[in-house]
PDB file of N, CA and C in Angstrom:
ATOM      1  N   MET A   1      -9.199   2.298  30.467  1.00  0.00           N
ATOM      2  CA  MET A   1     -10.071   3.151  29.689  1.00  0.00           C
ATOM      3  C   MET A   1     -11.509   2.743  29.974  1.00  0.00           C
ATOM      4  N   THR A   2     -12.353   3.720  30.092  1.00  0.00           N
ATOM      5  CA  THR A   2     -13.757   3.441  30.375  1.00  0.00           C
ATOM      6  C   THR A   2     -14.485   3.035  29.104  1.00  0.00           C
ATOM      7  N   ASP A   3     -15.668   2.459  29.293  1.00  0.00           N
ATOM      8  CA  ASP A   3     -16.491   2.107  28.137  1.00  0.00           C
ATOM      9  C   ASP A   3     -16.822   3.350  27.322  1.00  0.00           C
ATOM     10  N   THR A   4     -17.036   4.478  28.010  1.00  0.00           N
ATOM     11  CA  THR A   4     -17.337   5.732  27.317  1.00  0.00           C
ATOM     12  C   THR A   4     -16.168   6.148  26.448  1.00  0.00           C
ATOM     13  N   GLY A   5     -14.951   6.039  26.989  1.00  0.00           N
ATOM     14  CA  GLY A   5     -13.757   6.393  26.212  1.00  0.00           C
ATOM     15  C   GLY A   5     -13.592   5.491  25.000  1.00  0.00           C
ATOM     16  N   LEU A   6     -13.853   4.215  25.189  1.00  0.00           N
ATOM     17  CA  LEU A   6     -13.766   3.272  24.086  1.00  0.00           C
ATOM     18  C   LEU A   6     -14.835   3.568  23.043  1.00  0.00           C
ATOM     19  N   ASP A   7     -16.037   3.868  23.511  1.00  0.00           N
ATOM     20  CA  ASP A   7     -17.120   4.221  22.584  1.00  0.00           C
ATOM     21  C   ASP A   7     -16.764   5.461  21.765  1.00  0.00           C
ATOM     22  N   GLN A   8     -16.120   6.421  22.397  1.00  0.00           N
ATOM     23  CA  GLN A   8     -15.722   7.640  21.682  1.00  0.00           C
ATOM     24  C   GLN A   8     -14.679   7.333  20.616  1.00  0.00           C
ATOM     25  N   LEU A   9     -13.719   6.458  20.938  1.00  0.00           N
ATOM     26  CA  LEU A   9     -12.714   6.073  19.947  1.00  0.00           C
ATOM     27  C   LEU A   9     -13.360   5.355  18.768  1.00  0.00           C
ATOM     28  N   VAL A  10     -14.285   4.461  19.059  1.00  0.00           N
ATOM     29  CA  VAL A  10     -14.975   3.731  17.991  1.00  0.00           C
ATOM     30  C   VAL A  10     -15.760   4.705  17.123  1.00  0.00           C
ATOM     31  N   GLN A  11     -16.429   5.660  17.746  1.00  0.00           N
ATOM     32  CA  GLN A  11     -17.192   6.650  16.984  1.00  0.00           C
ATOM     33  C   GLN A  11     -16.264   7.476  16.087  1.00  0.00           C
ATOM     34  N   GLN A  12     -15.114   7.875  16.626  1.00  0.00           N
ATOM     35  CA  GLN A  12     -14.148   8.624  15.815  1.00  0.00           C
ATOM     36  C   GLN A  12     -13.678   7.796  14.628  1.00  0.00           C
ATOM     37  N   LEU A  13     -13.407   6.514  14.867  1.00  0.00           N
ATOM     38  CA  LEU A  13     -12.961   5.637  13.786  1.00  0.00           C
ATOM     39  C   LEU A  13     -14.036   5.511  12.716  1.00  0.00           C
ATOM     40  N   GLU A  14     -15.286   5.322  13.142  1.00  0.00           N
ATOM     41  CA  GLU A  14     -16.386   5.206  12.179  1.00  0.00           C
ATOM     42  C   GLU A  14     -16.551   6.485  11.363  1.00  0.00           C
ATOM     43  N   GLU A  15     -16.463   7.632  12.018  1.00  0.00           N
ATOM     44  CA  GLU A  15     -16.606   8.905  11.303  1.00  0.00           C
ATOM     45  C   GLU A  15     -15.458   9.121  10.326  1.00  0.00           C
ATOM     46  N   THR A  16     -14.250   8.797  10.761  1.00  0.00           N
ATOM     47  CA  THR A  16     -13.086   8.963   9.893  1.00  0.00           C
ATOM     48  C   THR A  16     -13.174   8.029   8.693  1.00  0.00           C
ATOM     49  N   ALA A  17     -13.563   6.795   8.927  1.00  0.00           N
ATOM     50  CA  ALA A  17     -13.716   5.847   7.822  1.00  0.00           C
ATOM     51  C   ALA A  17     -14.810   6.301   6.866  1.00  0.00           C
ATOM     52  N   GLY A  18     -15.873   6.881   7.394  1.00  0.00           N
ATOM     53  CA  GLY A  18     -16.941   7.405   6.547  1.00  0.00           C
ATOM     54  C   GLY A  18     -16.440   8.517   5.634  1.00  0.00           C
ATOM     55  N   ARG A  19     -15.599   9.369   6.171  1.00  0.00           N
ATOM     56  CA  ARG A  19     -15.020  10.440   5.340  1.00  0.00           C
ATOM     57  C   ARG A  19     -14.163   9.850   4.228  1.00  0.00           C
ATOM     58  N   LEU A  20     -13.435   8.799   4.553  1.00  0.00           N
ATOM     59  CA  LEU A  20     -12.614   8.145   3.527  1.00  0.00           C
ATOM     60  C   LEU A  20     -13.480   7.526   2.435  1.00  0.00           C
ATOM     61  N   ARG A  21     -14.574   6.893   2.848  1.00  0.00           N
ATOM     62  CA  ARG A  21     -15.447   6.235   1.872  1.00  0.00           C
ATOM     63  C   ARG A  21     -16.172   7.230   0.975  1.00  0.00           C
ATOM     64  N   SER A  22     -16.263   8.473   1.403  1.00  0.00           N
ATOM     65  CA  SER A  22     -16.984   9.460   0.598  1.00  0.00           C
ATOM     66  C   SER A  22     -16.319   9.679  -0.754  1.00  0.00           C
ATOM     67  N   GLY A  23     -15.016   9.461  -0.825  1.00  0.00           N
ATOM     68  CA  GLY A  23     -14.303   9.624  -2.087  1.00  0.00           C
ATOM     69  C   GLY A  23     -14.110  11.067  -2.496  1.00  0.00           C
ATOM     70  N   GLU A  24     -14.365  11.991  -1.602  1.00  0.00           N
ATOM     71  CA  GLU A  24     -14.286  13.414  -1.927  1.00  0.00           C
ATOM     72  C   GLU A  24     -12.997  14.067  -1.451  1.00  0.00           C
ATOM     73  N   LEU A  25     -12.025  13.288  -1.055  1.00  0.00           N
ATOM     74  CA  LEU A  25     -10.801  13.837  -0.490  1.00  0.00           C
ATOM     75  C   LEU A  25      -9.664  13.834  -1.499  1.00  0.00           C
ATOM     76  N   GLU A  26      -8.793  14.801  -1.342  1.00  0.00           N
ATOM     77  CA  GLU A  26      -7.550  14.809  -2.108  1.00  0.00           C
ATOM     78  C   GLU A  26      -6.673  13.668  -1.587  1.00  0.00           C
ATOM     79  N   PRO A  27      -5.776  13.160  -2.415  1.00  0.00           N
ATOM     80  CA  PRO A  27      -4.947  12.026  -1.990  1.00  0.00           C
ATOM     81  C   PRO A  27      -4.193  12.259  -0.675  1.00  0.00           C
ATOM     82  N   LYS A  28      -3.637  13.450  -0.492  1.00  0.00           N
ATOM     83  CA  LYS A  28      -2.883  13.720   0.733  1.00  0.00           C
ATOM     84  C   LYS A  28      -3.804  13.671   1.953  1.00  0.00           C
ATOM     85  N   ALA A  29      -4.979  14.259   1.850  1.00  0.00           N
ATOM     86  CA  ALA A  29      -5.938  14.244   2.960  1.00  0.00           C
ATOM     87  C   ALA A  29      -6.408  12.818   3.238  1.00  0.00           C
ATOM     88  N   ALA A  30      -6.621  12.046   2.180  1.00  0.00           N
ATOM     89  CA  ALA A  30      -7.039  10.651   2.353  1.00  0.00           C
ATOM     90  C   ALA A  30      -5.941   9.854   3.063  1.00  0.00           C
ATOM     91  N   ALA A  31      -4.696  10.088   2.679  1.00  0.00           N
ATOM     92  CA  ALA A  31      -3.582   9.387   3.321  1.00  0.00           C
ATOM     93  C   ALA A  31      -3.503   9.733   4.805  1.00  0.00           C
ATOM     94  N   GLU A  32      -3.737  10.995   5.134  1.00  0.00           N
ATOM     95  CA  GLU A  32      -3.719  11.405   6.542  1.00  0.00           C
ATOM     96  C   GLU A  32      -4.847  10.725   7.319  1.00  0.00           C
ATOM     97  N   LEU A  33      -6.005  10.587   6.690  1.00  0.00           N
ATOM     98  CA  LEU A  33      -7.121   9.920   7.361  1.00  0.00           C
ATOM     99  C   LEU A  33      -6.866   8.419   7.520  1.00  0.00           C
ATOM    100  N   VAL A  34      -6.199   7.825   6.555  1.00  0.00           N
ATOM    101  CA  VAL A  34      -5.826   6.413   6.690  1.00  0.00           C
ATOM    102  C   VAL A  34      -4.902   6.249   7.889  1.00  0.00           C
ATOM    103  N   ASP A  35      -3.937   7.158   8.040  1.00  0.00           N
ATOM    104  CA  ASP A  35      -3.058   7.115   9.209  1.00  0.00           C
ATOM    105  C   ASP A  35      -3.851   7.285  10.498  1.00  0.00           C
ATOM    106  N   ARG A  36      -4.818   8.194  10.494  1.00  0.00           N
ATOM    107  CA  ARG A  36      -5.640   8.423  11.681  1.00  0.00           C
ATOM    108  C   ARG A  36      -6.459   7.172  12.015  1.00  0.00           C
ATOM    109  N   CYS A  37      -7.004   6.518  10.998  1.00  0.00           N
ATOM    110  CA  CYS A  37      -7.750   5.279  11.225  1.00  0.00           C
ATOM    111  C   CYS A  37      -6.849   4.227  11.866  1.00  0.00           C
ATOM    112  N   ALA A  38      -5.633   4.124  11.387  1.00  0.00           N
ATOM    113  CA  ALA A  38      -4.691   3.152  11.944  1.00  0.00           C
ATOM    114  C   ALA A  38      -4.390   3.479  13.406  1.00  0.00           C
ATOM    115  N   GLN A  39      -4.201   4.757  13.713  1.00  0.00           N
ATOM    116  CA  GLN A  39      -3.938   5.164  15.093  1.00  0.00           C
ATOM    117  C   GLN A  39      -5.125   4.829  15.991  1.00  0.00           C
ATOM    118  N   LEU A  40      -6.322   5.149  15.531  1.00  0.00           N
ATOM    119  CA  LEU A  40      -7.527   4.865  16.315  1.00  0.00           C
ATOM    120  C   LEU A  40      -7.701   3.364  16.529  1.00  0.00           C
ATOM    121  N   ALA A  41      -7.479   2.591  15.474  1.00  0.00           N
ATOM    122  CA  ALA A  41      -7.610   1.136  15.586  1.00  0.00           C
ATOM    123  C   ALA A  41      -6.596   0.585  16.589  1.00  0.00           C
ATOM    124  N   LEU A  42      -5.391   1.120  16.590  1.00  0.00           N
ATOM    125  CA  LEU A  42      -4.371   0.690  17.547  1.00  0.00           C
ATOM    126  C   LEU A  42      -4.798   1.037  18.975  1.00  0.00           C
ATOM    127  N   GLU A  43      -5.320   2.234  19.189  1.00  0.00           N
ATOM    128  CA  GLU A  43      -5.789   2.632  20.513  1.00  0.00           C
ATOM    129  C   GLU A  43      -6.930   1.731  20.985  1.00  0.00           C
ATOM    130  N   ILE A  44      -7.855   1.440  20.084  1.00  0.00           N
ATOM    131  CA  ILE A  44      -8.988   0.582  20.429  1.00  0.00           C
ATOM    132  C   ILE A  44      -8.498  -0.824  20.763  1.00  0.00           C
ATOM    133  N   GLY A  45      -7.621  -1.360  19.942  1.00  0.00           N
ATOM    134  CA  GLY A  45      -7.077  -2.693  20.189  1.00  0.00           C
ATOM    135  C   GLY A  45      -6.334  -2.768  21.519  1.00  0.00           C
ATOM    136  N   SER A  46      -5.555  -1.749  21.815  1.00  0.00           N
ATOM    137  CA  SER A  46      -4.823  -1.716  23.080  1.00  0.00           C
ATOM    138  C   SER A  46      -5.778  -1.655  24.270  1.00  0.00           C
ATOM    139  N   ALA A  47      -6.817  -0.842  24.146  1.00  0.00           N
ATOM    140  CA  ALA A  47      -7.802  -0.722  25.228  1.00  0.00           C
ATOM    141  C   ALA A  47      -8.523  -2.044  25.453  1.00  0.00           C
ATOM    142  N   LEU A  48      -8.880  -2.718  24.382  1.00  0.00           N
ATOM    143  CA  LEU A  48      -9.550  -4.011  24.516  1.00  0.00           C
ATOM    144  C   LEU A  48      -8.618  -5.061  25.113  1.00  0.00           C
ATOM    145  N   ASP A  49      -7.363  -5.029  24.718  1.00  0.00           N
ATOM    146  CA  ASP A  49      -6.378  -5.957  25.272  1.00  0.00           C
ATOM    147  C   ASP A  49      -6.210  -5.736  26.777  1.00  0.00           C
ATOM    148  N   ARG A  50      -6.089  -4.460  27.187  1.00  0.00           N
ATOM    149  CA  ARG A  50      -5.971  -4.161  28.612  1.00  0.00           C
ATOM    150  C   ARG A  50      -7.204  -4.630  29.378  1.00  0.00           C
ATOM    151  N   ALA A  51      -8.376  -4.393  28.810  1.00  0.00           N
ATOM    152  CA  ALA A  51      -9.628  -4.803  29.473  1.00  0.00           C
ATOM    153  C   ALA A  51      -9.683  -6.320  29.607  1.00  0.00           C
ATOM    154  N   GLY A  52      -9.243  -7.037  28.587  1.00  0.00           N
ATOM    155  CA  GLY A  52      -9.236  -8.499  28.641  1.00  0.00           C
ATOM    156  C   GLY A  52      -8.278  -9.025  29.685  1.00  0.00           C
ATOM    157  N   ARG A  53      -7.093  -8.422  29.770  1.00  0.00           N
ATOM    158  CA  ARG A  53      -6.131  -8.847  30.780  1.00  0.00           C
ATOM    159  C   ARG A  53      -6.638  -8.544  32.188  1.00  0.00           C
ATOM    160  N   GLN A  54      -7.288  -7.396  32.339  1.00  0.00           N
ATOM    161  CA  GLN A  54      -7.850  -7.036  33.641  1.00  0.00           C
ATOM    162  C   GLN A  54      -8.938  -8.037  34.041  1.00  0.00           C
ATOM    163  N   ALA A  55      -9.788  -8.394  33.102  1.00  0.00           N
ATOM    164  CA  ALA A  55     -10.856  -9.358  33.382  1.00  0.00           C
ATOM    165  C   ALA A  55     -10.264 -10.719  33.759  1.00  0.00           C
ATOM    166  N   ASP A  56      -9.182 -11.108  33.092  1.00  0.00           N
ATOM    167  CA  ASP A  56      -8.533 -12.381  33.418  1.00  0.00           C
ATOM    168  C   ASP A  56      -7.993 -12.376  34.841  1.00  0.00           C
ATOM    169  N   ARG A  57      -7.475 -11.245  35.281  1.00  0.00           N
ATOM    170  CA  ARG A  57      -6.931 -11.168  36.640  1.00  0.00           C
ATOM    171  C   ARG A  57      -8.039 -11.181  37.686  1.00  0.00           C
ATOM    172  N   GLU A  58      -9.205 -10.681  37.323  1.00  0.00           N
ATOM    173  CA  GLU A  58     -10.296 -10.574  38.289  1.00  0.00           C
ATOM    174  C   GLU A  58     -11.091 -11.863  38.445  1.00  0.00           C
ATOM    175  N   LEU A  59     -11.079 -12.719  37.442  1.00  0.00           N
ATOM    176  CA  LEU A  59     -11.859 -13.951  37.489  1.00  0.00           C
ATOM    177  C   LEU A  59     -10.944 -15.137  37.747  1.00  0.00           C
ATOM    178  N   PRO A  60     -11.359 -16.025  38.652  1.00  0.00           N
ATOM    179  CA  PRO A  60     -10.546 -17.234  38.870  1.00  0.00           C
ATOM    180  C   PRO A  60     -10.626 -18.137  37.639  1.00  0.00           C
ATOM    181  N   ASP A  61      -9.575 -18.889  37.426  1.00  0.00           N
ATOM    182  CA  ASP A  61      -9.570 -19.840  36.308  1.00  0.00           C
ATOM    183  C   ASP A  61     -10.606 -20.920  36.547  1.00  0.00           C
ATOM    184  N   GLU A  62     -11.387 -21.234  35.507  1.00  0.00           N
ATOM    185  CA  GLU A  62     -12.356 -22.315  35.628  1.00  0.00           C
ATOM    186  C   GLU A  62     -11.616 -23.633  35.794  1.00  0.00           C
ATOM    187  N   GLY A  63     -12.147 -24.469  36.648  1.00  0.00           N
ATOM    188  CA  GLY A  63     -11.531 -25.767  36.859  1.00  0.00           C
ATOM    189  C   GLY A  63     -10.390 -25.747  37.859  1.00  0.00           C
ATOM    190  N   GLN A  64     -10.023 -24.562  38.307  1.00  0.00           N
ATOM    191  CA  GLN A  64      -8.961 -24.448  39.293  1.00  0.00           C
ATOM    192  C   GLN A  64      -9.574 -24.207  40.672  1.00  0.00           C
ATOM    193  N   GLU A  65      -9.101 -24.928  41.633  1.00  0.00           N
ATOM    194  CA  GLU A  65      -9.585 -24.701  42.996  1.00  0.00           C
ATOM    195  C   GLU A  65      -8.940 -23.441  43.544  1.00  0.00           C
ATOM    196  N   GLN A  66      -9.717 -22.703  44.290  1.00  0.00           N
ATOM    197  CA  GLN A  66      -9.178 -21.512  44.918  1.00  0.00           C
ATOM    198  C   GLN A  66      -8.510 -21.896  46.238  1.00  0.00           C
ATOM    199  N   LEU A  67      -7.385 -21.290  46.495  1.00  0.00           N
ATOM    200  CA  LEU A  67      -6.690 -21.508  47.759  1.00  0.00           C
ATOM    201  C   LEU A  67      -7.344 -20.642  48.810  1.00  0.00           C
ATOM    202  N   LEU A  68      -7.505 -21.197  49.974  1.00  0.00           N
ATOM    203  CA  LEU A  68      -8.117 -20.445  51.057  1.00  0.00           C
ATOM    204  C   LEU A  68      -7.087 -19.742  51.875  1.00  0.00           C
TER     205      LEU A  68
END
């Protein structure tokens, strides 16, 4: 996932959480938004995990000699 895609997910999460904090929603709508927040958070966490694993593969371990 690109940084732009991740930024869009974060923006969606922030907007959805803002709607929840407004307190103007019916319980069913609020519950649906809570589910949406959880989905977005899972997507963001997965994207960050993938990015971290990719970075680990691209960088040599510190303190380890590289084989020629």
